[in-house]
Amino acid sequence: MKNYQCRKCGTLISNESYPNANGCPNGGSHQWNNLGECGNTRYQCRKCGILIYSKLYPNANGCSNGGNHQWNKL
């Protein structure tokens, strides 16, 4: 399982494969960003506040608040 977040609406999901892009609430298609494998370590982005459980340090690309995520290990 991997963590995916939409750059447009900020939705976070865990999925085995790349998620369906249809139906972004912010219009058009989701723009999914692969944040990395799901795991037991908690990380929170200082910019958008999203909390994920990841195996390794998450991918910084595609923060829904613009630019890159700024991950803080909790």
PDB file of N, CA and C in Angstrom:
ATOM      1  N   MET A   1       0.841  -1.185   0.000  1.00  0.00           N
ATOM      2  CA  MET A   1       0.000   0.000   0.000  1.00  0.00           C
ATOM      3  C   MET A   1       0.887   1.250   0.000  1.00  0.00           C
ATOM      4  N   LYS A   2       0.391   2.255  -0.707  1.00  0.00           N
ATOM      5  CA  LYS A   2       1.101   3.536  -0.775  1.00  0.00           C
ATOM      6  C   LYS A   2       0.144   4.668  -0.415  1.00  0.00           C
ATOM      7  N   ASN A   3       0.722   5.754   0.093  1.00  0.00           N
ATOM      8  CA  ASN A   3      -0.028   6.967   0.394  1.00  0.00           C
ATOM      9  C   ASN A   3      -0.057   7.849  -0.848  1.00  0.00           C
ATOM     10  N   TYR A   4      -1.256   8.319  -1.210  1.00  0.00           N
ATOM     11  CA  TYR A   4      -1.431   9.241  -2.328  1.00  0.00           C
ATOM     12  C   TYR A   4      -2.209  10.455  -1.844  1.00  0.00           C
ATOM     13  N   GLN A   5      -1.780  11.645  -2.281  1.00  0.00           N
ATOM     14  CA  GLN A   5      -2.497  12.874  -1.958  1.00  0.00           C
ATOM     15  C   GLN A   5      -2.733  13.655  -3.240  1.00  0.00           C
ATOM     16  N   CYS A   6      -3.946  14.190  -3.377  1.00  0.00           N
ATOM     17  CA  CYS A   6      -4.263  15.039  -4.525  1.00  0.00           C
ATOM     18  C   CYS A   6      -3.699  16.441  -4.286  1.00  0.00           C
ATOM     19  N   ARG A   7      -2.954  16.942  -5.255  1.00  0.00           N
ATOM     20  CA  ARG A   7      -2.369  18.291  -5.152  1.00  0.00           C
ATOM     21  C   ARG A   7      -3.422  19.387  -5.181  1.00  0.00           C
ATOM     22  N   LYS A   8      -4.571  19.088  -5.784  1.00  0.00           N
ATOM     23  CA  LYS A   8      -5.612  20.100  -5.943  1.00  0.00           C
ATOM     24  C   LYS A   8      -6.522  20.219  -4.723  1.00  0.00           C
ATOM     25  N   CYS A   9      -6.989  19.092  -4.195  1.00  0.00           N
ATOM     26  CA  CYS A   9      -7.978  19.141  -3.112  1.00  0.00           C
ATOM     27  C   CYS A   9      -7.427  18.679  -1.758  1.00  0.00           C
ATOM     28  N   GLY A  10      -6.244  18.055  -1.753  1.00  0.00           N
ATOM     29  CA  GLY A  10      -5.627  17.625  -0.502  1.00  0.00           C
ATOM     30  C   GLY A  10      -6.092  16.271   0.012  1.00  0.00           C
ATOM     31  N   THR A  11      -6.991  15.598  -0.707  1.00  0.00           N
ATOM     32  CA  THR A  11      -7.481  14.292  -0.274  1.00  0.00           C
ATOM     33  C   THR A  11      -6.321  13.308  -0.161  1.00  0.00           C
ATOM     34  N   LEU A  12      -6.302  12.539   0.925  1.00  0.00           N
ATOM     35  CA  LEU A  12      -5.283  11.524   1.159  1.00  0.00           C
ATOM     36  C   LEU A  12      -5.941  10.157   1.150  1.00  0.00           C
ATOM     37  N   ILE A  13      -5.371   9.226   0.385  1.00  0.00           N
ATOM     38  CA  ILE A  13      -5.853   7.851   0.399  1.00  0.00           C
ATOM     39  C   ILE A  13      -4.668   6.901   0.395  1.00  0.00           C
ATOM     40  N   SER A  14      -4.912   5.679   0.851  1.00  0.00           N
ATOM     41  CA  SER A  14      -3.946   4.592   0.749  1.00  0.00           C
ATOM     42  C   SER A  14      -4.489   3.612  -0.273  1.00  0.00           C
ATOM     43  N   ASN A  15      -3.638   3.194  -1.203  1.00  0.00           N
ATOM     44  CA  ASN A  15      -4.096   2.330  -2.280  1.00  0.00           C
ATOM     45  C   ASN A  15      -2.936   1.472  -2.766  1.00  0.00           C
ATOM     46  N   GLU A  16      -3.265   0.289  -3.301  1.00  0.00           N
ATOM     47  CA  GLU A  16      -2.249  -0.613  -3.856  1.00  0.00           C
ATOM     48  C   GLU A  16      -1.650  -0.073  -5.151  1.00  0.00           C
ATOM     49  N   SER A  17      -2.478   0.585  -5.969  1.00  0.00           N
ATOM     50  CA  SER A  17      -2.016   1.103  -7.257  1.00  0.00           C
ATOM     51  C   SER A  17      -2.463   2.558  -7.396  1.00  0.00           C
ATOM     52  N   TYR A  18      -2.015   3.190  -8.478  1.00  0.00           N
ATOM     53  CA  TYR A  18      -2.347   4.585  -8.728  1.00  0.00           C
ATOM     54  C   TYR A  18      -3.868   4.763  -8.725  1.00  0.00           C
ATOM     55  N   PRO A  19      -4.409   5.687  -7.911  1.00  0.00           N
ATOM     56  CA  PRO A  19      -5.867   5.851  -7.790  1.00  0.00           C
ATOM     57  C   PRO A  19      -6.517   6.437  -9.044  1.00  0.00           C
ATOM     58  N   ASN A  20      -7.814   6.233  -9.130  1.00  0.00           N
ATOM     59  CA  ASN A  20      -8.624   6.801 -10.195  1.00  0.00           C
ATOM     60  C   ASN A  20      -8.605   8.322 -10.065  1.00  0.00           C
ATOM     61  N   ALA A  21      -8.426   9.029 -11.166  1.00  0.00           N
ATOM     62  CA  ALA A  21      -8.320  10.486 -11.143  1.00  0.00           C
ATOM     63  C   ALA A  21      -9.658  11.204 -11.265  1.00  0.00           C
ATOM     64  N   ASN A  22     -10.712  10.495 -11.581  1.00  0.00           N
ATOM     65  CA  ASN A  22     -12.011  11.138 -11.810  1.00  0.00           C
ATOM     66  C   ASN A  22     -12.590  11.755 -10.549  1.00  0.00           C
ATOM     67  N   GLY A  23     -13.266  12.898 -10.713  1.00  0.00           N
ATOM     68  CA  GLY A  23     -14.113  13.462  -9.677  1.00  0.00           C
ATOM     69  C   GLY A  23     -13.465  14.273  -8.579  1.00  0.00           C
ATOM     70  N   CYS A  24     -12.461  15.063  -8.880  1.00  0.00           N
ATOM     71  CA  CYS A  24     -11.881  15.931  -7.858  1.00  0.00           C
ATOM     72  C   CYS A  24     -12.904  17.007  -7.475  1.00  0.00           C
ATOM     73  N   PRO A  25     -13.163  17.210  -6.168  1.00  0.00           N
ATOM     74  CA  PRO A  25     -14.136  18.223  -5.762  1.00  0.00           C
ATOM     75  C   PRO A  25     -13.708  19.649  -6.119  1.00  0.00           C
ATOM     76  N   ASN A  26     -12.423  19.843  -6.423  1.00  0.00           N
ATOM     77  CA  ASN A  26     -11.952  21.167  -6.840  1.00  0.00           C
ATOM     78  C   ASN A  26     -12.003  21.343  -8.356  1.00  0.00           C
ATOM     79  N   GLY A  27     -12.686  20.429  -9.038  1.00  0.00           N
ATOM     80  CA  GLY A  27     -12.882  20.528 -10.480  1.00  0.00           C
ATOM     81  C   GLY A  27     -11.947  19.645 -11.270  1.00  0.00           C
ATOM     82  N   GLY A  28     -12.491  19.030 -12.308  1.00  0.00           N
ATOM     83  CA  GLY A  28     -11.690  18.193 -13.198  1.00  0.00           C
ATOM     84  C   GLY A  28     -11.234  16.902 -12.544  1.00  0.00           C
ATOM     85  N   SER A  29      -9.995  16.549 -12.808  1.00  0.00           N
ATOM     86  CA  SER A  29      -9.427  15.290 -12.320  1.00  0.00           C
ATOM     87  C   SER A  29      -8.491  15.529 -11.143  1.00  0.00           C
ATOM     88  N   HIS A  30      -8.401  14.504 -10.263  1.00  0.00           N
ATOM     89  CA  HIS A  30      -7.402  14.538  -9.194  1.00  0.00           C
ATOM     90  C   HIS A  30      -6.004  14.552  -9.811  1.00  0.00           C
ATOM     91  N   GLN A  31      -5.074  15.156  -9.124  1.00  0.00           N
ATOM     92  CA  GLN A  31      -3.661  15.129  -9.504  1.00  0.00           C
ATOM     93  C   GLN A  31      -2.917  14.423  -8.373  1.00  0.00           C
ATOM     94  N   TRP A  32      -2.873  13.093  -8.449  1.00  0.00           N
ATOM     95  CA  TRP A  32      -2.322  12.284  -7.362  1.00  0.00           C
ATOM     96  C   TRP A  32      -0.811  12.356  -7.291  1.00  0.00           C
ATOM     97  N   ASN A  33      -0.300  12.479  -6.081  1.00  0.00           N
ATOM     98  CA  ASN A  33       1.122  12.478  -5.793  1.00  0.00           C
ATOM     99  C   ASN A  33       1.408  11.283  -4.895  1.00  0.00           C
ATOM    100  N   ASN A  34       2.343  10.423  -5.298  1.00  0.00           N
ATOM    101  CA  ASN A  34       2.736   9.266  -4.502  1.00  0.00           C
ATOM    102  C   ASN A  34       3.666   9.737  -3.385  1.00  0.00           C
ATOM    103  N   LEU A  35       3.199   9.634  -2.128  1.00  0.00           N
ATOM    104  CA  LEU A  35       4.002  10.073  -0.987  1.00  0.00           C
ATOM    105  C   LEU A  35       4.886   8.966  -0.428  1.00  0.00           C
ATOM    106  N   GLY A  36       4.709   7.736  -0.911  1.00  0.00           N
ATOM    107  CA  GLY A  36       5.544   6.620  -0.460  1.00  0.00           C
ATOM    108  C   GLY A  36       4.732   5.525   0.211  1.00  0.00           C
ATOM    109  N   GLU A  37       5.429   4.468   0.616  1.00  0.00           N
ATOM    110  CA  GLU A  37       4.790   3.298   1.207  1.00  0.00           C
ATOM    111  C   GLU A  37       4.194   3.587   2.576  1.00  0.00           C
ATOM    112  N   CYS A  38       3.049   2.998   2.823  1.00  0.00           N
ATOM    113  CA  CYS A  38       2.411   3.087   4.135  1.00  0.00           C
ATOM    114  C   CYS A  38       3.269   2.346   5.156  1.00  0.00           C
ATOM    115  N   GLY A  39       3.266   2.824   6.378  1.00  0.00           N
ATOM    116  CA  GLY A  39       4.052   2.198   7.444  1.00  0.00           C
ATOM    117  C   GLY A  39       3.518   2.592   8.801  1.00  0.00           C
ATOM    118  N   ASN A  40       4.371   2.520   9.813  1.00  0.00           N
ATOM    119  CA  ASN A  40       3.963   2.768  11.192  1.00  0.00           C
ATOM    120  C   ASN A  40       4.454   4.095  11.766  1.00  0.00           C
ATOM    121  N   THR A  41       5.313   4.811  11.028  1.00  0.00           N
ATOM    122  CA  THR A  41       5.864   6.071  11.534  1.00  0.00           C
ATOM    123  C   THR A  41       4.993   7.228  11.066  1.00  0.00           C
ATOM    124  N   ARG A  42       4.628   8.107  12.013  1.00  0.00           N
ATOM    125  CA  ARG A  42       3.767   9.253  11.693  1.00  0.00           C
ATOM    126  C   ARG A  42       4.601  10.445  11.243  1.00  0.00           C
ATOM    127  N   TYR A  43       4.130  11.089  10.193  1.00  0.00           N
ATOM    128  CA  TYR A  43       4.723  12.329   9.683  1.00  0.00           C
ATOM    129  C   TYR A  43       3.605  13.327   9.462  1.00  0.00           C
ATOM    130  N   GLN A  44       3.875  14.588   9.795  1.00  0.00           N
ATOM    131  CA  GLN A  44       2.898  15.647   9.559  1.00  0.00           C
ATOM    132  C   GLN A  44       3.568  16.773   8.800  1.00  0.00           C
ATOM    133  N   CYS A  45       2.864  17.295   7.789  1.00  0.00           N
ATOM    134  CA  CYS A  45       3.377  18.422   7.015  1.00  0.00           C
ATOM    135  C   CYS A  45       3.106  19.720   7.775  1.00  0.00           C
ATOM    136  N   ARG A  46       4.137  20.540   7.950  1.00  0.00           N
ATOM    137  CA  ARG A  46       3.993  21.826   8.641  1.00  0.00           C
ATOM    138  C   ARG A  46       3.163  22.824   7.840  1.00  0.00           C
ATOM    139  N   LYS A  47       3.094  22.652   6.520  1.00  0.00           N
ATOM    140  CA  LYS A  47       2.389  23.604   5.665  1.00  0.00           C
ATOM    141  C   LYS A  47       0.898  23.306   5.555  1.00  0.00           C
ATOM    142  N   CYS A  48       0.544  22.049   5.278  1.00  0.00           N
ATOM    143  CA  CYS A  48      -0.869  21.724   5.045  1.00  0.00           C
ATOM    144  C   CYS A  48      -1.502  20.959   6.204  1.00  0.00           C
ATOM    145  N   GLY A  49      -0.682  20.471   7.136  1.00  0.00           N
ATOM    146  CA  GLY A  49      -1.203  19.802   8.322  1.00  0.00           C
ATOM    147  C   GLY A  49      -1.578  18.346   8.147  1.00  0.00           C
ATOM    148  N   ILE A  50      -1.435  17.811   6.941  1.00  0.00           N
ATOM    149  CA  ILE A  50      -1.832  16.424   6.707  1.00  0.00           C
ATOM    150  C   ILE A  50      -0.943  15.474   7.510  1.00  0.00           C
ATOM    151  N   LEU A  51      -1.542  14.432   8.031  1.00  0.00           N
ATOM    152  CA  LEU A  51      -0.843  13.432   8.834  1.00  0.00           C
ATOM    153  C   LEU A  51      -0.879  12.113   8.083  1.00  0.00           C
ATOM    154  N   ILE A  52       0.291  11.494   7.878  1.00  0.00           N
ATOM    155  CA  ILE A  52       0.344  10.194   7.225  1.00  0.00           C
ATOM    156  C   ILE A  52       1.177   9.230   8.052  1.00  0.00           C
ATOM    157  N   TYR A  53       0.947   7.955   7.812  1.00  0.00           N
ATOM    158  CA  TYR A  53       1.746   6.882   8.397  1.00  0.00           C
ATOM    159  C   TYR A  53       2.582   6.300   7.265  1.00  0.00           C
ATOM    160  N   SER A  54       3.897   6.384   7.385  1.00  0.00           N
ATOM    161  CA  SER A  54       4.780   6.021   6.291  1.00  0.00           C
ATOM    162  C   SER A  54       5.898   5.101   6.765  1.00  0.00           C
ATOM    163  N   LYS A  55       6.359   4.244   5.849  1.00  0.00           N
ATOM    164  CA  LYS A  55       7.451   3.320   6.132  1.00  0.00           C
ATOM    165  C   LYS A  55       8.777   4.079   6.196  1.00  0.00           C
ATOM    166  N   LEU A  56       8.975   5.005   5.263  1.00  0.00           N
ATOM    167  CA  LEU A  56      10.184   5.821   5.177  1.00  0.00           C
ATOM    168  C   LEU A  56       9.787   7.287   5.118  1.00  0.00           C
ATOM    169  N   TYR A  57      10.789   8.169   5.122  1.00  0.00           N
ATOM    170  CA  TYR A  57      10.516   9.604   5.009  1.00  0.00           C
ATOM    171  C   TYR A  57       9.708   9.850   3.730  1.00  0.00           C
ATOM    172  N   PRO A  58       8.547  10.529   3.818  1.00  0.00           N
ATOM    173  CA  PRO A  58       7.670  10.706   2.656  1.00  0.00           C
ATOM    174  C   PRO A  58       8.243  11.632   1.585  1.00  0.00           C
ATOM    175  N   ASN A  59       7.732  11.453   0.375  1.00  0.00           N
ATOM    176  CA  ASN A  59       8.055  12.309  -0.759  1.00  0.00           C
ATOM    177  C   ASN A  59       7.566  13.728  -0.444  1.00  0.00           C
ATOM    178  N   ALA A  60       8.382  14.718  -0.718  1.00  0.00           N
ATOM    179  CA  ALA A  60       8.026  16.109  -0.399  1.00  0.00           C
ATOM    180  C   ALA A  60       7.232  16.800  -1.502  1.00  0.00           C
ATOM    181  N   ASN A  61       7.212  16.249  -2.704  1.00  0.00           N
ATOM    182  CA  ASN A  61       6.562  16.916  -3.835  1.00  0.00           C
ATOM    183  C   ASN A  61       5.057  17.031  -3.668  1.00  0.00           C
ATOM    184  N   GLY A  62       4.503  18.151  -4.128  1.00  0.00           N
ATOM    185  CA  GLY A  62       3.064  18.288  -4.316  1.00  0.00           C
ATOM    186  C   GLY A  62       2.229  18.629  -3.113  1.00  0.00           C
ATOM    187  N   CYS A  63       2.672  19.510  -2.244  1.00  0.00           N
ATOM    188  CA  CYS A  63       1.854  19.937  -1.108  1.00  0.00           C
ATOM    189  C   CYS A  63       0.618  20.679  -1.629  1.00  0.00           C
ATOM    190  N   SER A  64      -0.530  20.387  -1.049  1.00  0.00           N
ATOM    191  CA  SER A  64      -1.766  21.038  -1.494  1.00  0.00           C
ATOM    192  C   SER A  64      -1.786  22.531  -1.163  1.00  0.00           C
ATOM    193  N   ASN A  65      -0.870  23.000  -0.310  1.00  0.00           N
ATOM    194  CA  ASN A  65      -0.744  24.433  -0.017  1.00  0.00           C
ATOM    195  C   ASN A  65       0.313  25.090  -0.896  1.00  0.00           C
ATOM    196  N   GLY A  66       0.771  24.371  -1.918  1.00  0.00           N
ATOM    197  CA  GLY A  66       1.761  24.910  -2.848  1.00  0.00           C
ATOM    198  C   GLY A  66       3.170  24.508  -2.489  1.00  0.00           C
ATOM    199  N   GLY A  67       3.987  24.298  -3.484  1.00  0.00           N
ATOM    200  CA  GLY A  67       5.379  23.922  -3.276  1.00  0.00           C
ATOM    201  C   GLY A  67       5.526  22.509  -2.735  1.00  0.00           C
ATOM    202  N   ASN A  68       6.491  22.334  -1.842  1.00  0.00           N
ATOM    203  CA  ASN A  68       6.794  21.024  -1.287  1.00  0.00           C
ATOM    204  C   ASN A  68       6.296  20.887   0.148  1.00  0.00           C
ATOM    205  N   HIS A  69       5.987  19.636   0.525  1.00  0.00           N
ATOM    206  CA  HIS A  69       5.666  19.332   1.908  1.00  0.00           C
ATOM    207  C   HIS A  69       6.886  19.610   2.788  1.00  0.00           C
ATOM    208  N   GLN A  70       6.651  19.966   4.018  1.00  0.00           N
ATOM    209  CA  GLN A  70       7.706  20.122   5.016  1.00  0.00           C
ATOM    210  C   GLN A  70       7.380  19.130   6.129  1.00  0.00           C
ATOM    211  N   TRP A  71       7.898  17.889   5.992  1.00  0.00           N
ATOM    212  CA  TRP A  71       7.529  16.803   6.899  1.00  0.00           C
ATOM    213  C   TRP A  71       8.229  16.910   8.243  1.00  0.00           C
ATOM    214  N   ASN A  72       7.466  16.641   9.277  1.00  0.00           N
ATOM    215  CA  ASN A  72       7.952  16.579  10.642  1.00  0.00           C
ATOM    216  C   ASN A  72       7.622  15.182  11.181  1.00  0.00           C
ATOM    217  N   LYS A  73       8.630  14.436  11.624  1.00  0.00           N
ATOM    218  CA  LYS A  73       8.400  13.110  12.184  1.00  0.00           C
ATOM    219  C   LYS A  73       7.828  13.270  13.588  1.00  0.00           C
ATOM    220  N   LEU A  74       6.721  12.578  13.862  1.00  0.00           N
ATOM    221  CA  LEU A  74       6.069  12.665  15.174  1.00  0.00           C
ATOM    222  C   LEU A  74       6.376  11.445  16.020  1.00  0.00           C
TER     223      LEU A  74
END
